[in-house]
Amino acid sequence: MGVHENMCVIGRSFGLRNMVRLGMNVVLMRDLTDTMYNSKQWPFVPHFTGTSLMTEYIETYVCPSMVSCDFTGQSQFRFKNDNRPYRFYNCRK
């Protein structure tokens, strides 16, 4: 868990990439993260789409992901303006 996927979550010395490199078993809790992204810069997509692209990168090259309700059993978190497809908020009951 963390805040900006493209910064601290994967890039810092304590981030996911380094944890994987050190042999740790890690997972991204994708609905409790965001990106530091300006939609007026490349790839010129809405903010939440930029977050989805970063999540897909992490899932492809770094580690698997889950949503918070898989861990807490509570309702998952979602920003009120987030209209991403269901795939990013798939809560298994």
Protein backbone atom coordinates (compact mmCIF):
# COMPACT_ATOMS: atom_id res chain seq x y z
CA MET A 1 0.00 0.00 0.00
CA GLY A 2 1.16 3.50 -0.57
CA VAL A 3 0.24 6.56 -2.51
CA HIS A 4 1.89 7.13 -5.88
CA GLU A 5 2.52 3.89 -7.77
CA ASN A 6 4.93 5.51 -10.21
CA MET A 7 7.01 7.09 -7.45
CA CYS A 8 7.34 5.56 -3.97
CA VAL A 9 5.37 2.34 -4.46
CA ILE A 10 7.78 0.90 -7.05
CA GLY A 11 10.68 3.33 -7.27
CA ARG A 12 12.01 3.95 -3.78
CA SER A 13 14.59 1.82 -1.98
CA PHE A 14 11.74 0.33 0.08
CA GLY A 15 9.45 0.00 -2.97
CA LEU A 16 8.06 -3.08 -4.68
CA ARG A 17 10.85 -3.44 -7.27
CA ASN A 18 13.50 -3.61 -4.57
CA MET A 19 11.42 -5.93 -2.42
CA VAL A 20 11.07 -8.33 -5.36
CA ARG A 21 14.80 -8.05 -6.06
CA LEU A 22 15.45 -8.99 -2.42
CA GLY A 23 13.25 -12.08 -2.78
CA MET A 24 10.23 -10.82 -0.86
CA ASN A 25 6.74 -12.00 -1.74
CA VAL A 26 4.86 -8.77 -2.50
CA VAL A 27 1.48 -7.70 -3.83
CA LEU A 28 0.08 -4.29 -4.84
CA MET A 29 -3.21 -3.26 -3.21
CA ARG A 30 -4.40 -1.40 -6.29
CA ASP A 31 -7.41 0.48 -4.92
CA LEU A 32 -5.30 2.08 -2.16
CA THR A 33 -2.81 3.67 -4.54
CA ASP A 34 -2.81 6.50 -7.05
CA THR A 35 -0.30 8.03 -9.47
CA MET A 36 1.38 11.37 -9.66
CA TYR A 37 0.24 12.11 -13.19
CA ASN A 38 -0.55 15.20 -15.22
CA SER A 39 -3.10 14.38 -17.92
CA LYS A 40 -1.68 17.24 -20.05
CA GLN A 41 1.50 15.20 -20.53
CA TRP A 42 2.19 11.91 -22.32
CA PRO A 43 0.25 9.59 -22.67
CA PHE A 44 -2.46 12.31 -22.56
CA VAL A 45 -5.14 10.21 -20.85
CA PRO A 46 -7.41 11.02 -17.88
CA HIS A 47 -5.84 10.72 -14.43
CA PHE A 48 -7.51 7.44 -13.47
CA THR A 49 -6.61 5.91 -16.84
CA GLY A 50 -2.99 6.86 -16.12
CA THR A 51 -3.28 5.05 -12.79
CA SER A 52 -4.72 2.01 -14.57
CA LEU A 53 -1.79 1.98 -17.01
CA MET A 54 0.66 2.10 -14.12
CA THR A 55 -1.17 -0.71 -12.33
CA GLU A 56 -1.03 -2.83 -15.49
CA TYR A 57 2.72 -2.17 -15.74
CA ILE A 58 3.25 -3.29 -12.13
CA GLU A 59 1.11 -6.40 -12.65
CA THR A 60 3.05 -7.29 -15.81
CA TYR A 61 6.62 -6.58 -14.70
CA VAL A 62 6.75 -6.39 -10.90
CA CYS A 63 4.10 -8.28 -8.90
CA PRO A 64 0.43 -9.29 -8.74
CA SER A 65 -2.27 -7.05 -7.27
CA MET A 66 -5.41 -7.27 -5.18
CA VAL A 67 -8.12 -4.92 -3.89
CA SER A 68 -8.55 -3.84 -0.27
CA CYS A 69 -11.75 -5.78 0.35
CA ASP A 70 -9.83 -9.02 -0.32
CA PHE A 71 -7.72 -8.13 2.71
CA THR A 72 -10.13 -6.31 5.02
CA GLY A 73 -13.51 -7.84 4.22
CA GLN A 74 -14.89 -4.28 4.21
CA SER A 75 -16.21 -2.22 1.31
CA GLN A 76 -13.43 -1.33 -1.07
CA PHE A 77 -12.19 2.21 -1.53
CA ARG A 78 -13.04 4.14 -4.66
CA PHE A 79 -12.67 7.84 -5.51
CA LYS A 80 -16.11 9.27 -6.33
CA ASN A 81 -14.97 10.48 -9.78
CA ASP A 82 -13.28 7.20 -10.67
CA ASN A 83 -15.19 5.54 -13.52
CA ARG A 84 -12.65 2.87 -14.42
CA PRO A 85 -14.01 -0.51 -15.52
CA TYR A 86 -15.04 -3.15 -13.01
CA ARG A 87 -11.78 -5.10 -13.51
CA PHE A 88 -9.94 -2.64 -11.28
CA TYR A 89 -12.49 -3.09 -8.51
CA ASN A 90 -13.20 -6.79 -8.53
CA CYS A 91 -14.06 -7.70 -4.96
CA ARG A 92 -14.34 -11.42 -4.40
CA LYS A 93 -16.93 -12.39 -1.81
